[in-house]
Amino acid sequence: MGARLLLAAALLLLRTPAAEALREPELCYILDAILFLYGIVLTVLYCRLKFLARRALRKRASKEKEEAIYTGLSGEGQEMYETLHIERS
């Protein structure tokens, strides 16, 4: 089934006249310009994504560094007022 379909497609391609795109080169130039602009836009978006990810990583690292300064000051595991145990000897 697949071989017959492939053979039919090859026969249809052989029966077509000479390449139609070569008759109108302006169309090729327009398509080349569109692909060129598309490549530039994708490159700019990729670079922007890389720079934004790098900036977010730096911001996160500096925030963790700031939080590390106050790590010893958290009182979550302590009571507000602890009772004093006086030992009498």
PDB file of N, CA and C in Angstrom:
ATOM      1  N   MET A   1       0.833  -1.188   0.000  1.00  0.00           N
ATOM      2  CA  MET A   1       0.000   0.000   0.000  1.00  0.00           C
ATOM      3  C   MET A   1       0.878   1.251   0.000  1.00  0.00           C
ATOM      4  N   GLY A   2       1.854   1.303   0.887  1.00  0.00           N
ATOM      5  CA  GLY A   2       2.736   2.460   0.983  1.00  0.00           C
ATOM      6  C   GLY A   2       3.624   2.595  -0.246  1.00  0.00           C
ATOM      7  N   ALA A   3       4.058   1.445  -0.814  1.00  0.00           N
ATOM      8  CA  ALA A   3       4.905   1.472  -2.003  1.00  0.00           C
ATOM      9  C   ALA A   3       4.125   2.006  -3.203  1.00  0.00           C
ATOM     10  N   ARG A   4       2.853   1.642  -3.311  1.00  0.00           N
ATOM     11  CA  ARG A   4       2.026   2.134  -4.419  1.00  0.00           C
ATOM     12  C   ARG A   4       1.823   3.646  -4.317  1.00  0.00           C
ATOM     13  N   LEU A   5       1.616   4.127  -3.110  1.00  0.00           N
ATOM     14  CA  LEU A   5       1.431   5.560  -2.888  1.00  0.00           C
ATOM     15  C   LEU A   5       2.699   6.319  -3.244  1.00  0.00           C
ATOM     16  N   LEU A   6       3.846   5.778  -2.848  1.00  0.00           N
ATOM     17  CA  LEU A   6       5.133   6.399  -3.166  1.00  0.00           C
ATOM     18  C   LEU A   6       5.375   6.406  -4.672  1.00  0.00           C
ATOM     19  N   LEU A   7       5.044   5.331  -5.346  1.00  0.00           N
ATOM     20  CA  LEU A   7       5.197   5.250  -6.793  1.00  0.00           C
ATOM     21  C   LEU A   7       4.283   6.242  -7.501  1.00  0.00           C
ATOM     22  N   ALA A   8       3.053   6.368  -7.026  1.00  0.00           N
ATOM     23  CA  ALA A   8       2.110   7.319  -7.626  1.00  0.00           C
ATOM     24  C   ALA A   8       2.603   8.752  -7.448  1.00  0.00           C
ATOM     25  N   ALA A   9       3.140   9.059  -6.283  1.00  0.00           N
ATOM     26  CA  ALA A   9       3.655  10.406  -6.041  1.00  0.00           C
ATOM     27  C   ALA A   9       4.856  10.691  -6.928  1.00  0.00           C
ATOM     28  N   ALA A  10       5.737   9.717  -7.117  1.00  0.00           N
ATOM     29  CA  ALA A  10       6.906   9.897  -7.983  1.00  0.00           C
ATOM     30  C   ALA A  10       6.480  10.111  -9.429  1.00  0.00           C
ATOM     31  N   LEU A  11       5.479   9.374  -9.905  1.00  0.00           N
ATOM     32  CA  LEU A  11       5.002   9.549 -11.273  1.00  0.00           C
ATOM     33  C   LEU A  11       4.360  10.920 -11.483  1.00  0.00           C
ATOM     34  N   LEU A  12       3.632  11.403 -10.495  1.00  0.00           N
ATOM     35  CA  LEU A  12       3.037  12.736 -10.594  1.00  0.00           C
ATOM     36  C   LEU A  12       4.110  13.817 -10.646  1.00  0.00           C
ATOM     37  N   LEU A  13       5.166  13.646  -9.882  1.00  0.00           N
ATOM     38  CA  LEU A  13       6.248  14.629  -9.887  1.00  0.00           C
ATOM     39  C   LEU A  13       6.987  14.624 -11.219  1.00  0.00           C
ATOM     40  N   LEU A  14       7.110  13.473 -11.852  1.00  0.00           N
ATOM     41  CA  LEU A  14       7.812  13.387 -13.131  1.00  0.00           C
ATOM     42  C   LEU A  14       6.997  14.004 -14.271  1.00  0.00           C
ATOM     43  N   ARG A  15       5.687  14.012 -14.166  1.00  0.00           N
ATOM     44  CA  ARG A  15       4.825  14.529 -15.233  1.00  0.00           C
ATOM     45  C   ARG A  15       4.696  16.043 -15.190  1.00  0.00           C
ATOM     46  N   THR A  16       5.080  16.696 -14.105  1.00  0.00           N
ATOM     47  CA  THR A  16       4.941  18.152 -14.014  1.00  0.00           C
ATOM     48  C   THR A  16       5.945  18.816 -14.943  1.00  0.00           C
ATOM     49  N   PRO A  17       5.604  19.980 -15.474  1.00  0.00           N
ATOM     50  CA  PRO A  17       6.554  20.696 -16.331  1.00  0.00           C
ATOM     51  C   PRO A  17       7.758  21.175 -15.528  1.00  0.00           C
ATOM     52  N   ALA A  18       8.690  21.817 -16.188  1.00  0.00           N
ATOM     53  CA  ALA A  18       9.914  22.292 -15.530  1.00  0.00           C
ATOM     54  C   ALA A  18       9.547  23.113 -14.299  1.00  0.00           C
ATOM     55  N   ALA A  19      10.508  23.281 -13.430  1.00  0.00           N
ATOM     56  CA  ALA A  19      10.256  23.930 -12.132  1.00  0.00           C
ATOM     57  C   ALA A  19       9.574  25.280 -12.324  1.00  0.00           C
ATOM     58  N   GLU A  20       8.417  25.410 -11.767  1.00  0.00           N
ATOM     59  CA  GLU A  20       7.633  26.633 -11.911  1.00  0.00           C
ATOM     60  C   GLU A  20       8.242  27.788 -11.124  1.00  0.00           C
ATOM     61  N   ALA A  21       8.930  27.499 -10.047  1.00  0.00           N
ATOM     62  CA  ALA A  21       9.490  28.564  -9.206  1.00  0.00           C
ATOM     63  C   ALA A  21      10.614  29.299  -9.915  1.00  0.00           C
ATOM     64  N   LEU A  22      11.265  28.663 -10.878  1.00  0.00           N
ATOM     65  CA  LEU A  22      12.368  29.321 -11.572  1.00  0.00           C
ATOM     66  C   LEU A  22      11.876  30.392 -12.547  1.00  0.00           C
ATOM     67  N   ARG A  23      10.626  30.372 -12.892  1.00  0.00           N
ATOM     68  CA  ARG A  23      10.067  31.381 -13.788  1.00  0.00           C
ATOM     69  C   ARG A  23       9.851  32.712 -13.087  1.00  0.00           C
ATOM     70  N   GLU A  24       9.649  32.691 -11.781  1.00  0.00           N
ATOM     71  CA  GLU A  24       9.420  33.920 -11.028  1.00  0.00           C
ATOM     72  C   GLU A  24      10.448  34.019  -9.904  1.00  0.00           C
ATOM     73  N   PRO A  25      11.639  34.545 -10.164  1.00  0.00           N
ATOM     74  CA  PRO A  25      12.665  34.626  -9.120  1.00  0.00           C
ATOM     75  C   PRO A  25      12.322  35.648  -8.030  1.00  0.00           C
ATOM     76  N   GLU A  26      11.453  36.608  -8.350  1.00  0.00           N
ATOM     77  CA  GLU A  26      11.079  37.602  -7.333  1.00  0.00           C
ATOM     78  C   GLU A  26      10.418  36.928  -6.142  1.00  0.00           C
ATOM     79  N   LEU A  27       9.658  35.890  -6.423  1.00  0.00           N
ATOM     80  CA  LEU A  27       9.009  35.148  -5.339  1.00  0.00           C
ATOM     81  C   LEU A  27      10.060  34.521  -4.418  1.00  0.00           C
ATOM     82  N   CYS A  28      11.118  34.002  -4.999  1.00  0.00           N
ATOM     83  CA  CYS A  28      12.187  33.406  -4.190  1.00  0.00           C
ATOM     84  C   CYS A  28      12.871  34.460  -3.334  1.00  0.00           C
ATOM     85  N   TYR A  29      13.056  35.655  -3.903  1.00  0.00           N
ATOM     86  CA  TYR A  29      13.703  36.727  -3.146  1.00  0.00           C
ATOM     87  C   TYR A  29      12.838  37.151  -1.969  1.00  0.00           C
ATOM     88  N   ILE A  30      11.556  37.208  -2.201  1.00  0.00           N
ATOM     89  CA  ILE A  30      10.639  37.585  -1.116  1.00  0.00           C
ATOM     90  C   ILE A  30      10.656  36.520  -0.023  1.00  0.00           C
ATOM     91  N   LEU A  31      10.617  35.261  -0.409  1.00  0.00           N
ATOM     92  CA  LEU A  31      10.647  34.189   0.589  1.00  0.00           C
ATOM     93  C   LEU A  31      11.975  34.167   1.342  1.00  0.00           C
ATOM     94  N   ASP A  32      13.081  34.440   0.627  1.00  0.00           N
ATOM     95  CA  ASP A  32      14.382  34.516   1.300  1.00  0.00           C
ATOM     96  C   ASP A  32      14.407  35.640   2.325  1.00  0.00           C
ATOM     97  N   ALA A  33      13.826  36.785   1.975  1.00  0.00           N
ATOM     98  CA  ALA A  33      13.790  37.915   2.906  1.00  0.00           C
ATOM     99  C   ALA A  33      12.950  37.578   4.143  1.00  0.00           C
ATOM    100  N   ILE A  34      11.840  36.903   3.913  1.00  0.00           N
ATOM    101  CA  ILE A  34      10.987  36.511   5.051  1.00  0.00           C
ATOM    102  C   ILE A  34      11.733  35.533   5.961  1.00  0.00           C
ATOM    103  N   LEU A  35      12.405  34.560   5.378  1.00  0.00           N
ATOM    104  CA  LEU A  35      13.165  33.604   6.192  1.00  0.00           C
ATOM    105  C   LEU A  35      14.317  34.282   6.925  1.00  0.00           C
ATOM    106  N   PHE A  36      14.963  35.248   6.275  1.00  0.00           N
ATOM    107  CA  PHE A  36      16.055  35.987   6.911  1.00  0.00           C
ATOM    108  C   PHE A  36      15.542  36.762   8.125  1.00  0.00           C
ATOM    109  N   LEU A  37      14.421  37.467   7.964  1.00  0.00           N
ATOM    110  CA  LEU A  37      13.839  38.211   9.090  1.00  0.00           C
ATOM    111  C   LEU A  37      13.379  37.266  10.202  1.00  0.00           C
ATOM    112  N   TYR A  38      12.823  36.144   9.817  1.00  0.00           N
ATOM    113  CA  TYR A  38      12.393  35.141  10.800  1.00  0.00           C
ATOM    114  C   TYR A  38      13.585  34.646  11.613  1.00  0.00           C
ATOM    115  N   GLY A  39      14.706  34.405  10.940  1.00  0.00           N
ATOM    116  CA  GLY A  39      15.922  33.979  11.645  1.00  0.00           C
ATOM    117  C   GLY A  39      16.430  35.039  12.595  1.00  0.00           C
ATOM    118  N   ILE A  40      16.384  36.289  12.186  1.00  0.00           N
ATOM    119  CA  ILE A  40      16.833  37.377  13.066  1.00  0.00           C
ATOM    120  C   ILE A  40      15.926  37.490  14.285  1.00  0.00           C
ATOM    121  N   VAL A  41      14.621  37.426  14.067  1.00  0.00           N
ATOM    122  CA  VAL A  41      13.680  37.526  15.191  1.00  0.00           C
ATOM    123  C   VAL A  41      13.888  36.374  16.168  1.00  0.00           C
ATOM    124  N   LEU A  42      14.043  35.162  15.666  1.00  0.00           N
ATOM    125  CA  LEU A  42      14.268  34.019  16.554  1.00  0.00           C
ATOM    126  C   LEU A  42      15.578  34.158  17.326  1.00  0.00           C
ATOM    127  N   THR A  43      16.616  34.655  16.681  1.00  0.00           N
ATOM    128  CA  THR A  43      17.899  34.846  17.357  1.00  0.00           C
ATOM    129  C   THR A  43      17.777  35.878  18.463  1.00  0.00           C
ATOM    130  N   VAL A  44      17.096  36.978  18.191  1.00  0.00           N
ATOM    131  CA  VAL A  44      16.906  38.019  19.212  1.00  0.00           C
ATOM    132  C   VAL A  44      16.104  37.477  20.390  1.00  0.00           C
ATOM    133  N   LEU A  45      15.050  36.746  20.115  1.00  0.00           N
ATOM    134  CA  LEU A  45      14.239  36.186  21.205  1.00  0.00           C
ATOM    135  C   LEU A  45      15.029  35.169  22.024  1.00  0.00           C
ATOM    136  N   TYR A  46      15.860  34.370  21.365  1.00  0.00           N
ATOM    137  CA  TYR A  46      16.677  33.392  22.074  1.00  0.00           C
ATOM    138  C   TYR A  46      17.691  34.089  22.982  1.00  0.00           C
ATOM    139  N   CYS A  47      18.358  35.104  22.459  1.00  0.00           N
ATOM    140  CA  CYS A  47      19.339  35.834  23.273  1.00  0.00           C
ATOM    141  C   CYS A  47      18.655  36.535  24.444  1.00  0.00           C
ATOM    142  N   ARG A  48      17.488  37.100  24.206  1.00  0.00           N
ATOM    143  CA  ARG A  48      16.743  37.761  25.289  1.00  0.00           C
ATOM    144  C   ARG A  48      16.378  36.765  26.383  1.00  0.00           C
ATOM    145  N   LEU A  49      15.943  35.585  25.973  1.00  0.00           N
ATOM    146  CA  LEU A  49      15.600  34.543  26.935  1.00  0.00           C
ATOM    147  C   LEU A  49      16.813  34.133  27.762  1.00  0.00           C
ATOM    148  N   LYS A  50      17.966  33.996  27.104  1.00  0.00           N
ATOM    149  CA  LYS A  50      19.187  33.619  27.819  1.00  0.00           C
ATOM    150  C   LYS A  50      19.575  34.684  28.833  1.00  0.00           C
ATOM    151  N   PHE A  51      19.522  35.961  28.425  1.00  0.00           N
ATOM    152  CA  PHE A  51      19.900  37.044  29.329  1.00  0.00           C
ATOM    153  C   PHE A  51      18.924  37.171  30.488  1.00  0.00           C
ATOM    154  N   LEU A  52      17.638  36.993  30.232  1.00  0.00           N
ATOM    155  CA  LEU A  52      16.653  37.072  31.313  1.00  0.00           C
ATOM    156  C   LEU A  52      16.836  35.925  32.306  1.00  0.00           C
ATOM    157  N   ALA A  53      17.148  34.751  31.808  1.00  0.00           N
ATOM    158  CA  ALA A  53      17.369  33.604  32.698  1.00  0.00           C
ATOM    159  C   ALA A  53      18.615  33.832  33.542  1.00  0.00           C
ATOM    160  N   ARG A  54      19.653  34.383  32.936  1.00  0.00           N
ATOM    161  CA  ARG A  54      20.885  34.657  33.670  1.00  0.00           C
ATOM    162  C   ARG A  54      20.651  35.725  34.733  1.00  0.00           C
ATOM    163  N   ARG A  55      19.860  36.756  34.398  1.00  0.00           N
ATOM    164  CA  ARG A  55      19.556  37.827  35.354  1.00  0.00           C
ATOM    165  C   ARG A  55      18.733  37.289  36.525  1.00  0.00           C
ATOM    166  N   ALA A  56      17.771  36.425  36.235  1.00  0.00           N
ATOM    167  CA  ALA A  56      16.945  35.841  37.295  1.00  0.00           C
ATOM    168  C   ALA A  56      17.794  34.956  38.210  1.00  0.00           C
ATOM    169  N   LEU A  57      18.748  34.246  37.639  1.00  0.00           N
ATOM    170  CA  LEU A  57      19.630  33.407  38.443  1.00  0.00           C
ATOM    171  C   LEU A  57      20.486  34.251  39.377  1.00  0.00           C
ATOM    172  N   ARG A  58      21.011  35.357  38.860  1.00  0.00           N
ATOM    173  CA  ARG A  58      21.809  36.255  39.708  1.00  0.00           C
ATOM    174  C   ARG A  58      20.967  36.865  40.807  1.00  0.00           C
ATOM    175  N   LYS A  59      19.737  37.269  40.470  1.00  0.00           N
ATOM    176  CA  LYS A  59      18.852  37.883  41.463  1.00  0.00           C
ATOM    177  C   LYS A  59      18.514  36.878  42.568  1.00  0.00           C
ATOM    178  N   ARG A  60      18.266  35.628  42.168  1.00  0.00           N
ATOM    179  CA  ARG A  60      17.948  34.591  43.150  1.00  0.00           C
ATOM    180  C   ARG A  60      19.152  34.320  44.051  1.00  0.00           C
ATOM    181  N   ALA A  61      20.354  34.307  43.470  1.00  0.00           N
ATOM    182  CA  ALA A  61      21.560  34.048  44.257  1.00  0.00           C
ATOM    183  C   ALA A  61      21.812  35.174  45.243  1.00  0.00           C
ATOM    184  N   SER A  62      21.586  36.430  44.835  1.00  0.00           N
ATOM    185  CA  SER A  62      21.795  37.542  45.763  1.00  0.00           C
ATOM    186  C   SER A  62      20.744  37.541  46.870  1.00  0.00           C
ATOM    187  N   LYS A  63      19.521  37.130  46.537  1.00  0.00           N
ATOM    188  CA  LYS A  63      18.467  37.062  47.558  1.00  0.00           C
ATOM    189  C   LYS A  63      18.792  35.981  48.579  1.00  0.00           C
ATOM    190  N   GLU A  64      19.277  34.825  48.120  1.00  0.00           N
ATOM    191  CA  GLU A  64      19.665  33.762  49.042  1.00  0.00           C
ATOM    192  C   GLU A  64      20.830  34.208  49.915  1.00  0.00           C
ATOM    193  N   LYS A  65      21.725  34.999  49.365  1.00  0.00           N
ATOM    194  CA  LYS A  65      22.859  35.499  50.128  1.00  0.00           C
ATOM    195  C   LYS A  65      22.376  36.453  51.221  1.00  0.00           C
ATOM    196  N   GLU A  66      21.398  37.318  50.913  1.00  0.00           N
ATOM    197  CA  GLU A  66      20.839  38.215  51.909  1.00  0.00           C
ATOM    198  C   GLU A  66      20.136  37.429  53.011  1.00  0.00           C
ATOM    199  N   GLU A  67      19.402  36.405  52.630  1.00  0.00           N
ATOM    200  CA  GLU A  67      18.681  35.610  53.617  1.00  0.00           C
ATOM    201  C   GLU A  67      19.643  34.830  54.507  1.00  0.00           C
ATOM    202  N   ALA A  68      20.804  34.495  53.996  1.00  0.00           N
ATOM    203  CA  ALA A  68      21.777  33.751  54.788  1.00  0.00           C
ATOM    204  C   ALA A  68      22.318  34.599  55.928  1.00  0.00           C
ATOM    205  N   ILE A  69      22.312  35.911  55.788  1.00  0.00           N
ATOM    206  CA  ILE A  69      22.789  36.796  56.850  1.00  0.00           C
ATOM    207  C   ILE A  69      21.896  36.679  58.075  1.00  0.00           C
ATOM    208  N   TYR A  70      20.605  36.571  57.866  1.00  0.00           N
ATOM    209  CA  TYR A  70      19.654  36.553  58.969  1.00  0.00           C
ATOM    210  C   TYR A  70      19.222  35.149  59.371  1.00  0.00           C
ATOM    211  N   THR A  71      19.918  34.142  58.922  1.00  0.00           N
ATOM    212  CA  THR A  71      19.517  32.776  59.198  1.00  0.00           C
ATOM    213  C   THR A  71      19.537  32.474  60.691  1.00  0.00           C
ATOM    214  N   GLY A  72      20.527  32.933  61.403  1.00  0.00           N
ATOM    215  CA  GLY A  72      20.639  32.641  62.829  1.00  0.00           C
ATOM    216  C   GLY A  72      19.637  33.377  63.691  1.00  0.00           C
ATOM    217  N   LEU A  73      18.931  34.354  63.173  1.00  0.00           N
ATOM    218  CA  LEU A  73      18.027  35.163  63.961  1.00  0.00           C
ATOM    219  C   LEU A  73      16.586  34.660  63.984  1.00  0.00           C
ATOM    220  N   SER A  74      16.282  33.628  63.266  1.00  0.00           N
ATOM    221  CA  SER A  74      14.906  33.151  63.250  1.00  0.00           C
ATOM    222  C   SER A  74      14.597  32.471  64.578  1.00  0.00           C
ATOM    223  N   GLY A  75      13.427  32.759  65.092  1.00  0.00           N
ATOM    224  CA  GLY A  75      13.033  32.211  66.384  1.00  0.00           C
ATOM    225  C   GLY A  75      11.847  31.280  66.266  1.00  0.00           C
ATOM    226  N   GLU A  76      11.752  30.533  65.228  1.00  0.00           N
ATOM    227  CA  GLU A  76      10.595  29.672  65.030  1.00  0.00           C
ATOM    228  C   GLU A  76      10.564  28.521  66.027  1.00  0.00           C
ATOM    229  N   GLY A  77      11.715  27.992  66.385  1.00  0.00           N
ATOM    230  CA  GLY A  77      11.759  26.846  67.284  1.00  0.00           C
ATOM    231  C   GLY A  77      11.807  27.240  68.751  1.00  0.00           C
ATOM    232  N   GLN A  78      11.830  28.519  69.038  1.00  0.00           N
ATOM    233  CA  GLN A  78      11.936  28.978  70.422  1.00  0.00           C
ATOM    234  C   GLN A  78      10.615  29.578  70.881  1.00  0.00           C
ATOM    235  N   GLU A  79      10.429  29.501  72.181  1.00  0.00           N
ATOM    236  CA  GLU A  79       9.282  30.196  72.757  1.00  0.00           C
ATOM    237  C   GLU A  79       9.660  31.652  72.967  1.00  0.00           C
ATOM    238  N   MET A  80       8.642  32.478  73.113  1.00  0.00           N
ATOM    239  CA  MET A  80       8.927  33.899  73.273  1.00  0.00           C
ATOM    240  C   MET A  80       9.672  34.148  74.584  1.00  0.00           C
ATOM    241  N   TYR A  81       9.154  33.589  75.639  1.00  0.00           N
ATOM    242  CA  TYR A  81       9.799  33.729  76.943  1.00  0.00           C
ATOM    243  C   TYR A  81      10.039  32.331  77.495  1.00  0.00           C
ATOM    244  N   GLU A  82      11.287  32.004  77.656  1.00  0.00           N
ATOM    245  CA  GLU A  82      11.605  30.710  78.228  1.00  0.00           C
ATOM    246  C   GLU A  82      11.751  30.873  79.741  1.00  0.00           C
ATOM    247  N   THR A  83      11.360  29.823  80.430  1.00  0.00           N
ATOM    248  CA  THR A  83      11.489  29.879  81.895  1.00  0.00           C
ATOM    249  C   THR A  83      12.929  29.590  82.286  1.00  0.00           C
ATOM    250  N   LEU A  84      13.369  30.260  83.304  1.00  0.00           N
ATOM    251  CA  LEU A  84      14.720  30.062  83.810  1.00  0.00           C
ATOM    252  C   LEU A  84      14.701  28.944  84.827  1.00  0.00           C
ATOM    253  N   HIS A  85      15.597  28.040  84.709  1.00  0.00           N
ATOM    254  CA  HIS A  85      15.719  26.951  85.666  1.00  0.00           C
ATOM    255  C   HIS A  85      16.904  27.264  86.578  1.00  0.00           C
ATOM    256  N   ILE A  86      16.573  27.573  87.828  1.00  0.00           N
ATOM    257  CA  ILE A  86      17.616  27.888  88.777  1.00  0.00           C
ATOM    258  C   ILE A  86      17.991  26.602  89.521  1.00  0.00           C
ATOM    259  N   GLU A  87      19.241  26.269  89.466  1.00  0.00           N
ATOM    260  CA  GLU A  87      19.696  25.072  90.166  1.00  0.00           C
ATOM    261  C   GLU A  87      20.185  25.470  91.547  1.00  0.00           C
ATOM    262  N   ARG A  88      19.684  24.812  92.545  1.00  0.00           N
ATOM    263  CA  ARG A  88      20.118  25.085  93.926  1.00  0.00           C
ATOM    264  C   ARG A  88      21.027  23.968  94.384  1.00  0.00           C
ATOM    265  N   SER A  89      22.120  24.355  94.858  1.00  0.00           N
ATOM    266  CA  SER A  89      23.025  23.333  95.365  1.00  0.00           C
ATOM    267  C   SER A  89      23.102  23.312  96.856  1.00  0.00           C
TER     268      SER A  89
END
